[in-house]
Amino acid sequence: MYGGKGGLGKTTFSAATAFHLAQKGYKVLVFSVDPQASLSDIFERNIFGQGEVKIMDNLYACEIDADRRIKAYQEEVKKKILDMYGLETIPDEIENYIQAASAEPAMEESAIFDEVVNIVVKGGYDYYIYDLVPLGHALYYLSMASVYDAWIDKITKLREQMKEYDQVVAAVRRQKTTDEDKILGELLYIKDRINKSSGVLTDSEKTAFFFVLTPEEMIILDTVKAAELFSKFAVPIRGYIVNRVVPPELLQQNIPEYLRNRIAMQKDYLAKIDVQFGGRVLSRVPEFESDIRGLRMIERMAERMFEDEAAAGAGAATGAATGAQTAGATGGDGQ
């Protein structure tokens, strides 16, 4: 998972990491829930809402269309209501409630969260690269697992108590007990899915989270706050990647004064980053001369990110550990 404020390079690193792993023979899915459709831009392909799109051998990309997912989510809810209660049609009051709920922000977030759970639980890939939405929304999605789990726990206990009561009443009246409780079964099914997905996302043997930041005052402060919050949700933070560093060797050339000032400013902020995050700063990635778009530029970024992979990944025993060690490995100006 790559996270950070918007516009810092999360999508670039996600695409480059996915490209690199695919070239090494792993089957990789890079996916995003960001409605800005950044993966479509960087791959120069219409990916948004198209499902899992093949980019090249071993590499697939997916951008979730929230509106389409909400409609599918509504239909799933309606079908389950019909099945559980043996109804032929959805009562008007329930239909009106479902339509009203679809306008709430929570419905969009729940639908997207459910799709992320689908992706993680379904399997089928060696690596999943999760291009997270900006920090605030990312925290919300990551917290939803624990919120849902607590809520379902309470509802499940109430449902189990109701089932026990029904069984007692049936025995007193000498009636046959009711069929399997479909609602309870559905609650337990949802709980199992959430636990599986959150288990993967918080498992340090399977998942590595990287913060992306740039050498700027506000970005550093926001990253510090976010890291504290992410830790509360047991997100396995593996390190920090500093992006868009202007190469200091440019000072030896005849460059404009504003560029000299920017290099000097970045030098101070890079020192602050080193003090704040210490040895967890995995790399400093230089600013490229143009936007990273298209497979050729993605390949260039991948080469830059992973050029020291052999040294960084030596002795790594597991795939997750290899990914965590090498995803931040850069060249000469890296650490």
C-alpha atoms as a PDB file:
ATOM      1  CA  MET A   1       0.000   0.000   0.000  1.00  0.00           C
ATOM      2  CA  TYR A   2       1.195   3.489  -0.875  1.00  0.00           C
ATOM      3  CA  GLY A   3      -0.347   6.350   1.088  1.00  0.00           C
ATOM      4  CA  GLY A   4       0.031  10.074   1.576  1.00  0.00           C
ATOM      5  CA  LYS A   5      -1.596  13.356   0.666  1.00  0.00           C
ATOM      6  CA  GLY A   6      -2.956  13.781  -2.842  1.00  0.00           C
ATOM      7  CA  GLY A   7      -0.589  14.624  -5.676  1.00  0.00           C
ATOM      8  CA  LEU A   8       2.649  13.385  -4.086  1.00  0.00           C
ATOM      9  CA  GLY A   9       3.301  10.365  -6.305  1.00  0.00           C
ATOM     10  CA  LYS A  10       1.382   7.438  -4.753  1.00  0.00           C
ATOM     11  CA  THR A  11      -0.022   6.378  -8.109  1.00  0.00           C
ATOM     12  CA  THR A  12       3.385   6.683  -9.783  1.00  0.00           C
ATOM     13  CA  PHE A  13       5.047   4.432  -7.217  1.00  0.00           C
ATOM     14  CA  SER A  14       2.120   2.004  -7.319  1.00  0.00           C
ATOM     15  CA  ALA A  15       2.297   1.678 -11.098  1.00  0.00           C
ATOM     16  CA  ALA A  16       6.098   1.384 -11.136  1.00  0.00           C
ATOM     17  CA  THR A  17       6.116  -1.258  -8.392  1.00  0.00           C
ATOM     18  CA  ALA A  18       3.430  -3.245 -10.195  1.00  0.00           C
ATOM     19  CA  PHE A  19       5.377  -2.974 -13.481  1.00  0.00           C
ATOM     20  CA  HIS A  20       8.598  -4.153 -11.825  1.00  0.00           C
ATOM     21  CA  LEU A  21       7.007  -7.160 -10.122  1.00  0.00           C
ATOM     22  CA  ALA A  22       5.159  -8.133 -13.313  1.00  0.00           C
ATOM     23  CA  GLN A  23       8.434  -8.094 -15.238  1.00  0.00           C
ATOM     24  CA  LYS A  24       9.893 -10.454 -12.641  1.00  0.00           C
ATOM     25  CA  GLY A  25       7.135 -12.957 -13.434  1.00  0.00           C
ATOM     26  CA  TYR A  26       4.661 -12.246 -10.616  1.00  0.00           C
ATOM     27  CA  LYS A  27       0.980 -11.841 -11.395  1.00  0.00           C
ATOM     28  CA  VAL A  28       0.110  -8.383 -10.069  1.00  0.00           C
ATOM     29  CA  LEU A  29      -3.045  -6.325  -9.598  1.00  0.00           C
ATOM     30  CA  VAL A  30      -2.668  -2.599  -8.961  1.00  0.00           C
ATOM     31  CA  PHE A  31      -5.952  -1.044  -7.879  1.00  0.00           C
ATOM     32  CA  SER A  32      -7.394   2.230  -6.693  1.00  0.00           C
ATOM     33  CA  VAL A  33     -10.664   3.503  -5.223  1.00  0.00           C
ATOM     34  CA  ASP A  34      -9.818   7.128  -5.994  1.00  0.00           C
ATOM     35  CA  PRO A  35     -12.544   8.684  -8.217  1.00  0.00           C
ATOM     36  CA  GLN A  36      -9.889  10.890  -9.877  1.00  0.00           C
ATOM     37  CA  ALA A  37      -8.957   7.904 -12.083  1.00  0.00           C
ATOM     38  CA  SER A  38      -5.195   8.415 -11.710  1.00  0.00           C
ATOM     39  CA  LEU A  39      -4.316   4.907 -12.901  1.00  0.00           C
ATOM     40  CA  SER A  40      -6.148   5.601 -16.152  1.00  0.00           C
ATOM     41  CA  ASP A  41      -3.991   8.684 -16.619  1.00  0.00           C
ATOM     42  CA  ILE A  42      -0.667   7.054 -15.827  1.00  0.00           C
ATOM     43  CA  PHE A  43      -1.282   3.931 -17.936  1.00  0.00           C
ATOM     44  CA  GLU A  44      -2.971   5.998 -20.666  1.00  0.00           C
ATOM     45  CA  ARG A  45      -5.773   3.447 -20.770  1.00  0.00           C
ATOM     46  CA  ASN A  46      -9.495   3.621 -20.017  1.00  0.00           C
ATOM     47  CA  ILE A  47      -9.458   1.611 -16.796  1.00  0.00           C
ATOM     48  CA  PHE A  48     -12.096   3.375 -14.679  1.00  0.00           C
ATOM     49  CA  GLY A  49     -15.029   1.081 -13.944  1.00  0.00           C
ATOM     50  CA  GLN A  50     -13.821  -1.557 -16.439  1.00  0.00           C
ATOM     51  CA  GLY A  51     -12.976  -4.254 -13.898  1.00  0.00           C
ATOM     52  CA  GLU A  52      -9.536  -5.857 -13.937  1.00  0.00           C
ATOM     53  CA  VAL A  53      -7.882  -4.611 -17.139  1.00  0.00           C
ATOM     54  CA  LYS A  54      -4.797  -6.328 -18.533  1.00  0.00           C
ATOM     55  CA  ILE A  55      -2.019  -3.775 -19.093  1.00  0.00           C
ATOM     56  CA  MET A  56       0.715  -6.202 -20.150  1.00  0.00           C
ATOM     57  CA  ASP A  57       1.794  -9.739 -19.319  1.00  0.00           C
ATOM     58  CA  ASN A  58       1.233 -10.405 -15.586  1.00  0.00           C
ATOM     59  CA  LEU A  59       0.059  -6.824 -14.909  1.00  0.00           C
ATOM     60  CA  TYR A  60      -3.587  -5.903 -14.338  1.00  0.00           C
ATOM     61  CA  ALA A  61      -5.114  -2.632 -13.145  1.00  0.00           C
ATOM     62  CA  CYS A  62      -8.483  -1.785 -11.625  1.00  0.00           C
ATOM     63  CA  GLU A  63     -10.227   1.480 -10.735  1.00  0.00           C
ATOM     64  CA  ILE A  64     -13.504   1.145  -8.870  1.00  0.00           C
ATOM     65  CA  ASP A  65     -16.484   3.120 -10.184  1.00  0.00           C
ATOM     66  CA  ALA A  66     -18.310   4.114  -6.986  1.00  0.00           C
ATOM     67  CA  ASP A  67     -21.641   4.929  -8.699  1.00  0.00           C
ATOM     68  CA  ARG A  68     -21.757   1.601 -10.504  1.00  0.00           C
ATOM     69  CA  ARG A  69     -20.718  -0.221  -7.346  1.00  0.00           C
ATOM     70  CA  ILE A  70     -23.498   1.487  -5.336  1.00  0.00           C
ATOM     71  CA  LYS A  71     -26.113   0.320  -7.851  1.00  0.00           C
ATOM     72  CA  ALA A  72     -24.761  -3.224  -7.731  1.00  0.00           C
ATOM     73  CA  TYR A  73     -24.639  -3.002  -3.930  1.00  0.00           C
ATOM     74  CA  GLN A  74     -28.306  -1.947  -3.835  1.00  0.00           C
ATOM     75  CA  GLU A  75     -29.319  -4.872  -6.022  1.00  0.00           C
ATOM     76  CA  GLU A  76     -27.388  -7.278  -3.788  1.00  0.00           C
ATOM     77  CA  VAL A  77     -29.175  -5.895  -0.707  1.00  0.00           C
ATOM     78  CA  LYS A  78     -32.586  -6.205  -2.376  1.00  0.00           C
ATOM     79  CA  LYS A  79     -31.918  -9.785  -3.474  1.00  0.00           C
ATOM     80  CA  LYS A  80     -30.876 -10.781   0.031  1.00  0.00           C
ATOM     81  CA  ILE A  81     -34.019  -9.199   1.498  1.00  0.00           C
ATOM     82  CA  LEU A  82     -36.183 -11.130  -0.965  1.00  0.00           C
ATOM     83  CA  ASP A  83     -34.354 -14.398  -0.240  1.00  0.00           C
ATOM     84  CA  MET A  84     -34.324 -14.002   3.544  1.00  0.00           C
ATOM     85  CA  TYR A  85     -37.979 -13.118   3.922  1.00  0.00           C
ATOM     86  CA  GLY A  86     -39.428 -15.064   1.004  1.00  0.00           C
ATOM     87  CA  LEU A  87     -40.881 -11.935  -0.586  1.00  0.00           C
ATOM     88  CA  GLU A  88     -41.792 -11.560  -4.243  1.00  0.00           C
ATOM     89  CA  THR A  89     -41.259  -7.797  -4.343  1.00  0.00           C
ATOM     90  CA  ILE A  90     -39.524  -5.237  -2.154  1.00  0.00           C
ATOM     91  CA  PRO A  91     -42.058  -3.299  -0.027  1.00  0.00           C
ATOM     92  CA  ASP A  92     -42.315   0.388  -0.964  1.00  0.00           C
ATOM     93  CA  GLU A  93     -41.064   1.626   2.415  1.00  0.00           C
ATOM     94  CA  ILE A  94     -37.904  -0.502   2.137  1.00  0.00           C
ATOM     95  CA  GLU A  95     -37.376   0.531  -1.500  1.00  0.00           C
ATOM     96  CA  ASN A  96     -37.675   4.199  -0.502  1.00  0.00           C
ATOM     97  CA  TYR A  97     -35.212   3.695   2.357  1.00  0.00           C
ATOM     98  CA  ILE A  98     -32.644   2.029   0.086  1.00  0.00           C
ATOM     99  CA  GLN A  99     -32.954   4.835  -2.488  1.00  0.00           C
ATOM    100  CA  ALA A 100     -32.598   7.508   0.212  1.00  0.00           C
ATOM    101  CA  ALA A 101     -29.595   5.749   1.732  1.00  0.00           C
ATOM    102  CA  SER A 102     -27.818   5.705  -1.633  1.00  0.00           C
ATOM    103  CA  ALA A 103     -27.511   9.497  -1.467  1.00  0.00           C
ATOM    104  CA  GLU A 104     -25.643   9.345   1.820  1.00  0.00           C
ATOM    105  CA  PRO A 105     -21.808   9.537   1.697  1.00  0.00           C
ATOM    106  CA  ALA A 106     -21.658   6.468   3.940  1.00  0.00           C
ATOM    107  CA  MET A 107     -23.317   4.375   1.211  1.00  0.00           C
ATOM    108  CA  GLU A 108     -20.581   5.237  -1.286  1.00  0.00           C
ATOM    109  CA  GLU A 109     -17.857   4.495   1.247  1.00  0.00           C
ATOM    110  CA  SER A 110     -19.522   1.235   2.307  1.00  0.00           C
ATOM    111  CA  ALA A 111     -19.936   0.109  -1.292  1.00  0.00           C
ATOM    112  CA  ILE A 112     -16.303   0.894  -2.117  1.00  0.00           C
ATOM    113  CA  PHE A 113     -15.106  -0.746   1.088  1.00  0.00           C
ATOM    114  CA  ASP A 114     -17.093  -3.854   0.168  1.00  0.00           C
ATOM    115  CA  GLU A 115     -15.432  -3.923  -3.255  1.00  0.00           C
ATOM    116  CA  VAL A 116     -11.967  -3.657  -1.687  1.00  0.00           C
ATOM    117  CA  VAL A 117     -12.911  -6.597   0.547  1.00  0.00           C
ATOM    118  CA  ASN A 118     -13.974  -8.491  -2.604  1.00  0.00           C
ATOM    119  CA  ILE A 119     -10.602  -7.828  -4.244  1.00  0.00           C
ATOM    120  CA  VAL A 120      -8.571  -8.880  -1.217  1.00  0.00           C
ATOM    121  CA  VAL A 121     -10.626 -11.961  -0.316  1.00  0.00           C
ATOM    122  CA  LYS A 122     -11.067 -13.270  -3.871  1.00  0.00           C
ATOM    123  CA  GLY A 123      -7.355 -13.911  -4.433  1.00  0.00           C
ATOM    124  CA  GLY A 124      -5.802 -14.894  -7.749  1.00  0.00           C
ATOM    125  CA  TYR A 125      -2.728 -12.649  -7.722  1.00  0.00           C
ATOM    126  CA  ASP A 126       0.767 -12.909  -6.265  1.00  0.00           C
ATOM    127  CA  TYR A 127       0.892  -9.213  -5.373  1.00  0.00           C
ATOM    128  CA  TYR A 128      -1.727  -6.544  -4.785  1.00  0.00           C
ATOM    129  CA  ILE A 129      -0.598  -2.921  -5.042  1.00  0.00           C
ATOM    130  CA  TYR A 130      -3.133  -0.665  -3.321  1.00  0.00           C
ATOM    131  CA  ASP A 131      -2.970   2.964  -4.469  1.00  0.00           C
ATOM    132  CA  LEU A 132      -4.744   4.484  -1.482  1.00  0.00           C
ATOM    133  CA  VAL A 133      -6.960   7.547  -1.585  1.00  0.00           C
ATOM    134  CA  PRO A 134      -5.582  10.673   0.185  1.00  0.00           C
ATOM    135  CA  LEU A 135      -4.872  10.367   3.913  1.00  0.00           C
ATOM    136  CA  GLY A 136      -8.216  11.391   5.429  1.00  0.00           C
ATOM    137  CA  HIS A 137     -10.263   8.995   3.317  1.00  0.00           C
ATOM    138  CA  ALA A 138      -7.643   6.268   3.638  1.00  0.00           C
ATOM    139  CA  LEU A 139      -7.933   6.387   7.424  1.00  0.00           C
ATOM    140  CA  TYR A 140     -11.691   6.146   7.123  1.00  0.00           C
ATOM    141  CA  TYR A 141     -11.524   3.055   4.919  1.00  0.00           C
ATOM    142  CA  LEU A 142      -8.980   1.380   7.175  1.00  0.00           C
ATOM    143  CA  SER A 143     -11.055   2.159  10.269  1.00  0.00           C
ATOM    144  CA  MET A 144     -14.254   0.797   8.730  1.00  0.00           C
ATOM    145  CA  ALA A 145     -13.118  -2.776   9.288  1.00  0.00           C
ATOM    146  CA  SER A 146     -12.946  -2.318  13.064  1.00  0.00           C
ATOM    147  CA  VAL A 147     -16.166  -0.261  13.129  1.00  0.00           C
ATOM    148  CA  TYR A 148     -18.078  -2.841  11.089  1.00  0.00           C
ATOM    149  CA  ASP A 149     -16.657  -5.673  13.145  1.00  0.00           C
ATOM    150  CA  ALA A 150     -17.829  -4.091  16.417  1.00  0.00           C
ATOM    151  CA  TRP A 151     -21.262  -3.309  14.972  1.00  0.00           C
ATOM    152  CA  ILE A 152     -21.759  -6.804  13.557  1.00  0.00           C
ATOM    153  CA  ASP A 153     -20.664  -8.308  16.892  1.00  0.00           C
ATOM    154  CA  LYS A 154     -23.483  -6.474  18.672  1.00  0.00           C
ATOM    155  CA  ILE A 155     -26.113  -7.341  16.055  1.00  0.00           C
ATOM    156  CA  THR A 156     -24.977 -10.975  15.961  1.00  0.00           C
ATOM    157  CA  LYS A 157     -25.313 -11.326  19.732  1.00  0.00           C
ATOM    158  CA  LEU A 158     -28.820  -9.847  19.604  1.00  0.00           C
ATOM    159  CA  ARG A 159     -29.729 -12.192  16.776  1.00  0.00           C
ATOM    160  CA  GLU A 160     -28.410 -15.208  18.672  1.00  0.00           C
ATOM    161  CA  GLN A 161     -30.469 -14.193  21.724  1.00  0.00           C
ATOM    162  CA  MET A 162     -33.562 -13.901  19.526  1.00  0.00           C
ATOM    163  CA  LYS A 163     -32.894 -17.346  18.088  1.00  0.00           C
ATOM    164  CA  GLU A 164     -32.635 -18.855  21.570  1.00  0.00           C
ATOM    165  CA  TYR A 165     -35.909 -17.145  22.524  1.00  0.00           C
ATOM    166  CA  ASP A 166     -37.629 -18.510  19.391  1.00  0.00           C
ATOM    167  CA  GLN A 167     -36.421 -22.017  20.220  1.00  0.00           C
ATOM    168  CA  VAL A 168     -37.767 -21.769  23.776  1.00  0.00           C
ATOM    169  CA  VAL A 169     -41.148 -20.500  22.544  1.00  0.00           C
ATOM    170  CA  ALA A 170     -41.324 -23.255  19.927  1.00  0.00           C
ATOM    171  CA  ALA A 171     -40.587 -25.897  22.593  1.00  0.00           C
ATOM    172  CA  VAL A 172     -43.261 -24.532  24.947  1.00  0.00           C
ATOM    173  CA  ARG A 173     -45.810 -24.505  22.152  1.00  0.00           C
ATOM    174  CA  ARG A 174     -44.561 -27.875  20.930  1.00  0.00           C
ATOM    175  CA  GLN A 175     -43.903 -26.409  17.513  1.00  0.00           C
ATOM    176  CA  LYS A 176     -41.146 -27.260  15.093  1.00  0.00           C
ATOM    177  CA  THR A 177     -38.209 -24.850  15.436  1.00  0.00           C
ATOM    178  CA  THR A 178     -37.666 -22.358  12.634  1.00  0.00           C
ATOM    179  CA  ASP A 179     -35.344 -23.027   9.718  1.00  0.00           C
ATOM    180  CA  GLU A 180     -31.760 -21.841   9.753  1.00  0.00           C
ATOM    181  CA  ASP A 181     -31.569 -18.155  10.609  1.00  0.00           C
ATOM    182  CA  LYS A 182     -30.589 -16.604   7.276  1.00  0.00           C
ATOM    183  CA  ILE A 183     -30.027 -13.162   8.780  1.00  0.00           C
ATOM    184  CA  LEU A 184     -27.617 -14.544  11.362  1.00  0.00           C
ATOM    185  CA  GLY A 185     -25.865 -16.503   8.619  1.00  0.00           C
ATOM    186  CA  GLU A 186     -25.485 -13.334   6.532  1.00  0.00           C
ATOM    187  CA  LEU A 187     -24.072 -11.394   9.498  1.00  0.00           C
ATOM    188  CA  LEU A 188     -21.520 -14.114  10.180  1.00  0.00           C
ATOM    189  CA  TYR A 189     -20.620 -14.186   6.450  1.00  0.00           C
ATOM    190  CA  ILE A 190     -20.007 -10.409   6.422  1.00  0.00           C
ATOM    191  CA  LYS A 191     -17.985 -10.629   9.624  1.00  0.00           C
ATOM    192  CA  ASP A 192     -15.814 -13.389   8.173  1.00  0.00           C
ATOM    193  CA  ARG A 193     -15.133 -11.370   4.990  1.00  0.00           C
ATOM    194  CA  ILE A 194     -14.184  -8.258   6.941  1.00  0.00           C
ATOM    195  CA  ASN A 195     -11.938 -10.205   9.295  1.00  0.00           C
ATOM    196  CA  LYS A 196     -10.162 -11.888   6.371  1.00  0.00           C
ATOM    197  CA  SER A 197      -9.529  -8.631   4.526  1.00  0.00           C
ATOM    198  CA  SER A 198      -8.517  -6.601   7.581  1.00  0.00           C
ATOM    199  CA  GLY A 199      -6.347  -9.535   8.648  1.00  0.00           C
ATOM    200  CA  VAL A 200      -4.446  -9.319   5.363  1.00  0.00           C
ATOM    201  CA  LEU A 201      -4.142  -5.515   5.437  1.00  0.00           C
ATOM    202  CA  THR A 202      -2.722  -5.534   8.978  1.00  0.00           C
ATOM    203  CA  ASP A 203      -0.494  -8.609   8.631  1.00  0.00           C
ATOM    204  CA  SER A 204       3.128  -7.440   8.570  1.00  0.00           C
ATOM    205  CA  GLU A 205       4.163 -10.711   6.881  1.00  0.00           C
ATOM    206  CA  LYS A 206       1.825 -10.088   3.955  1.00  0.00           C
ATOM    207  CA  THR A 207       1.414  -6.336   3.744  1.00  0.00           C
ATOM    208  CA  ALA A 208       3.750  -3.360   3.672  1.00  0.00           C
ATOM    209  CA  PHE A 209       2.588   0.242   3.899  1.00  0.00           C
ATOM    210  CA  PHE A 210       4.762   3.072   2.566  1.00  0.00           C
ATOM    211  CA  PHE A 211       4.191   6.762   3.221  1.00  0.00           C
ATOM    212  CA  VAL A 212       4.968   9.025   0.283  1.00  0.00           C
ATOM    213  CA  LEU A 213       5.998  12.602   1.088  1.00  0.00           C
ATOM    214  CA  THR A 214       7.868  15.526  -0.417  1.00  0.00           C
ATOM    215  CA  PRO A 215      10.374  17.875   1.269  1.00  0.00           C
ATOM    216  CA  GLU A 216       7.829  20.538   2.272  1.00  0.00           C
ATOM    217  CA  GLU A 217       6.876  21.837   5.728  1.00  0.00           C
ATOM    218  CA  MET A 218       3.132  21.098   5.679  1.00  0.00           C
ATOM    219  CA  ILE A 219       3.604  17.698   4.040  1.00  0.00           C
ATOM    220  CA  ILE A 220       6.046  16.663   6.777  1.00  0.00           C
ATOM    221  CA  LEU A 221       3.665  17.793   9.543  1.00  0.00           C
ATOM    222  CA  ASP A 222       0.675  16.024   7.943  1.00  0.00           C
ATOM    223  CA  THR A 223       2.670  12.820   7.505  1.00  0.00           C
ATOM    224  CA  VAL A 224       3.716  12.818  11.179  1.00  0.00           C
ATOM    225  CA  LYS A 225       0.079  13.143  12.281  1.00  0.00           C
ATOM    226  CA  ALA A 226      -1.103  10.513   9.793  1.00  0.00           C
ATOM    227  CA  ALA A 227       1.564   8.033  10.872  1.00  0.00           C
ATOM    228  CA  GLU A 228       0.359   8.274  14.469  1.00  0.00           C
ATOM    229  CA  LEU A 229      -3.239   7.630  13.416  1.00  0.00           C
ATOM    230  CA  PHE A 230      -2.352   4.788  11.047  1.00  0.00           C
ATOM    231  CA  SER A 231      -0.432   3.058  13.838  1.00  0.00           C
ATOM    232  CA  LYS A 232      -3.609   2.954  15.917  1.00  0.00           C
ATOM    233  CA  PHE A 233      -5.219   0.782  13.242  1.00  0.00           C
ATOM    234  CA  ALA A 234      -2.274  -1.637  13.243  1.00  0.00           C
ATOM    235  CA  VAL A 235      -1.256  -0.691   9.707  1.00  0.00           C
ATOM    236  CA  PRO A 236       2.208  -2.221   9.118  1.00  0.00           C
ATOM    237  CA  ILE A 237       4.199   0.912   8.267  1.00  0.00           C
ATOM    238  CA  ARG A 238       7.459  -0.174   6.634  1.00  0.00           C
ATOM    239  CA  GLY A 239       8.945   3.190   5.817  1.00  0.00           C
ATOM    240  CA  TYR A 240       8.854   6.580   4.144  1.00  0.00           C
ATOM    241  CA  ILE A 241       9.724   7.503   0.566  1.00  0.00           C
ATOM    242  CA  VAL A 242      10.676  11.102  -0.218  1.00  0.00           C
ATOM    243  CA  ASN A 243       9.651  12.053  -3.731  1.00  0.00           C
ATOM    244  CA  ARG A 244      10.500  14.930  -6.078  1.00  0.00           C
ATOM    245  CA  VAL A 245      13.912  15.729  -4.688  1.00  0.00           C
ATOM    246  CA  VAL A 246      15.780  18.198  -6.904  1.00  0.00           C
ATOM    247  CA  PRO A 247      19.271  16.683  -7.441  1.00  0.00           C
ATOM    248  CA  PRO A 248      21.789  18.848  -5.512  1.00  0.00           C
ATOM    249  CA  GLU A 249      24.458  18.175  -8.143  1.00  0.00           C
ATOM    250  CA  LEU A 250      22.608  20.693 -10.328  1.00  0.00           C
ATOM    251  CA  LEU A 251      24.257  23.387  -8.193  1.00  0.00           C
ATOM    252  CA  GLN A 252      27.449  22.722 -10.161  1.00  0.00           C
ATOM    253  CA  GLN A 253      25.699  23.896 -13.314  1.00  0.00           C
ATOM    254  CA  ASN A 254      24.488  27.291 -14.465  1.00  0.00           C
ATOM    255  CA  ILE A 255      20.893  27.110 -13.168  1.00  0.00           C
ATOM    256  CA  PRO A 256      18.319  29.842 -12.357  1.00  0.00           C
ATOM    257  CA  GLU A 257      18.414  31.426  -8.900  1.00  0.00           C
ATOM    258  CA  TYR A 258      14.958  30.121  -7.971  1.00  0.00           C
ATOM    259  CA  LEU A 259      16.177  26.557  -8.545  1.00  0.00           C
ATOM    260  CA  ARG A 260      19.205  27.170  -6.319  1.00  0.00           C
ATOM    261  CA  ASN A 261      16.874  28.483  -3.629  1.00  0.00           C
ATOM    262  CA  ARG A 262      14.634  25.444  -3.965  1.00  0.00           C
ATOM    263  CA  ILE A 263      17.565  23.068  -3.557  1.00  0.00           C
ATOM    264  CA  ALA A 264      18.657  24.953  -0.436  1.00  0.00           C
ATOM    265  CA  MET A 265      15.127  24.862   0.959  1.00  0.00           C
ATOM    266  CA  GLN A 266      14.809  21.140   0.263  1.00  0.00           C
ATOM    267  CA  LYS A 267      18.128  20.514   1.985  1.00  0.00           C
ATOM    268  CA  ASP A 268      16.697  21.910   5.251  1.00  0.00           C
ATOM    269  CA  TYR A 269      13.480  19.902   4.934  1.00  0.00           C
ATOM    270  CA  LEU A 270      15.334  16.711   4.049  1.00  0.00           C
ATOM    271  CA  ALA A 271      17.360  17.145   7.245  1.00  0.00           C
ATOM    272  CA  LYS A 272      14.103  17.537   9.202  1.00  0.00           C
ATOM    273  CA  ILE A 273      12.727  14.381   7.562  1.00  0.00           C
ATOM    274  CA  ASP A 274      15.829  12.432   8.557  1.00  0.00           C
ATOM    275  CA  VAL A 275      15.538  13.645  12.166  1.00  0.00           C
ATOM    276  CA  GLN A 276      11.790  12.960  12.309  1.00  0.00           C
ATOM    277  CA  PHE A 277      11.724   9.519  10.661  1.00  0.00           C
ATOM    278  CA  GLY A 278      15.326   8.389  11.071  1.00  0.00           C
ATOM    279  CA  GLY A 279      16.293   5.067   9.560  1.00  0.00           C
ATOM    280  CA  ARG A 280      12.765   4.506   8.286  1.00  0.00           C
ATOM    281  CA  VAL A 281      13.437   6.882   5.393  1.00  0.00           C
ATOM    282  CA  LEU A 282      13.976   4.271   2.698  1.00  0.00           C
ATOM    283  CA  SER A 283      14.761   6.456  -0.260  1.00  0.00           C
ATOM    284  CA  ARG A 284      14.837   9.821  -1.944  1.00  0.00           C
ATOM    285  CA  VAL A 285      13.488   9.772  -5.475  1.00  0.00           C
ATOM    286  CA  PRO A 286      14.609  12.611  -7.759  1.00  0.00           C
ATOM    287  CA  GLU A 287      12.231  14.813  -9.673  1.00  0.00           C
ATOM    288  CA  PHE A 288      11.881  13.683 -13.296  1.00  0.00           C
ATOM    289  CA  GLU A 289      12.001  16.096 -16.200  1.00  0.00           C
ATOM    290  CA  SER A 290       8.426  15.215 -17.219  1.00  0.00           C
ATOM    291  CA  ASP A 291       5.276  13.565 -15.900  1.00  0.00           C
ATOM    292  CA  ILE A 292       5.308   9.795 -15.467  1.00  0.00           C
ATOM    293  CA  ARG A 293       2.797   8.619 -18.061  1.00  0.00           C
ATOM    294  CA  GLY A 294       2.821   5.602 -20.350  1.00  0.00           C
ATOM    295  CA  LEU A 295       4.700   2.333 -19.987  1.00  0.00           C
ATOM    296  CA  ARG A 296       8.055   3.769 -21.100  1.00  0.00           C
ATOM    297  CA  MET A 297       8.090   6.410 -18.345  1.00  0.00           C
ATOM    298  CA  ILE A 298       6.722   3.896 -15.814  1.00  0.00           C
ATOM    299  CA  GLU A 299       9.588   1.591 -16.758  1.00  0.00           C
ATOM    300  CA  ARG A 300      12.083   4.424 -16.187  1.00  0.00           C
ATOM    301  CA  MET A 301      10.650   5.068 -12.733  1.00  0.00           C
ATOM    302  CA  ALA A 302      10.724   1.335 -11.943  1.00  0.00           C
ATOM    303  CA  GLU A 303      14.368   1.164 -12.995  1.00  0.00           C
ATOM    304  CA  ARG A 304      15.147   4.130 -10.756  1.00  0.00           C
ATOM    305  CA  MET A 305      13.245   2.705  -7.792  1.00  0.00           C
ATOM    306  CA  PHE A 306      14.658  -0.795  -8.016  1.00  0.00           C
ATOM    307  CA  GLU A 307      18.156  -0.342  -9.432  1.00  0.00           C
ATOM    308  CA  ASP A 308      19.738  -1.440  -6.128  1.00  0.00           C
ATOM    309  CA  GLU A 309      17.290  -4.308  -5.622  1.00  0.00           C
ATOM    310  CA  ALA A 310      19.898  -7.043  -5.518  1.00  0.00           C
ATOM    311  CA  ALA A 311      21.664  -5.393  -2.606  1.00  0.00           C
ATOM    312  CA  ALA A 312      18.499  -4.283  -0.841  1.00  0.00           C
ATOM    313  CA  GLY A 313      16.718  -7.611  -1.219  1.00  0.00           C
ATOM    314  CA  ALA A 314      19.573 -10.001  -0.485  1.00  0.00           C
ATOM    315  CA  GLY A 315      18.543 -12.651   1.970  1.00  0.00           C
ATOM    316  CA  ALA A 316      14.853 -11.733   1.957  1.00  0.00           C
ATOM    317  CA  ALA A 317      12.944 -14.886   2.816  1.00  0.00           C
ATOM    318  CA  THR A 318       9.376 -13.998   1.925  1.00  0.00           C
ATOM    319  CA  GLY A 319       7.679 -12.207  -0.933  1.00  0.00           C
ATOM    320  CA  ALA A 320       6.235  -9.568   1.385  1.00  0.00           C
ATOM    321  CA  ALA A 321       9.618  -8.916   2.954  1.00  0.00           C
ATOM    322  CA  THR A 322      11.224  -8.621  -0.466  1.00  0.00           C
ATOM    323  CA  GLY A 323       8.568  -6.133  -1.552  1.00  0.00           C
ATOM    324  CA  ALA A 324       8.989  -4.127   1.641  1.00  0.00           C
ATOM    325  CA  GLN A 325      12.778  -3.957   1.346  1.00  0.00           C
ATOM    326  CA  THR A 326      13.024  -3.212  -2.340  1.00  0.00           C
ATOM    327  CA  ALA A 327      10.022  -0.962  -2.983  1.00  0.00           C
ATOM    328  CA  GLY A 328      11.931   1.947  -1.540  1.00  0.00           C
ATOM    329  CA  ALA A 329      15.373   1.098  -2.921  1.00  0.00           C
ATOM    330  CA  THR A 330      16.740   3.872  -5.110  1.00  0.00           C
ATOM    331  CA  GLY A 331      20.112   4.735  -6.465  1.00  0.00           C
ATOM    332  CA  GLY A 332      22.921   7.172  -5.669  1.00  0.00           C
ATOM    333  CA  ASP A 333      20.973   9.821  -3.767  1.00  0.00           C
ATOM    334  CA  GLY A 334      18.828   7.231  -1.970  1.00  0.00           C
ATOM    335  CA  GLN A 335      19.505   5.748   1.449  1.00  0.00           C
END
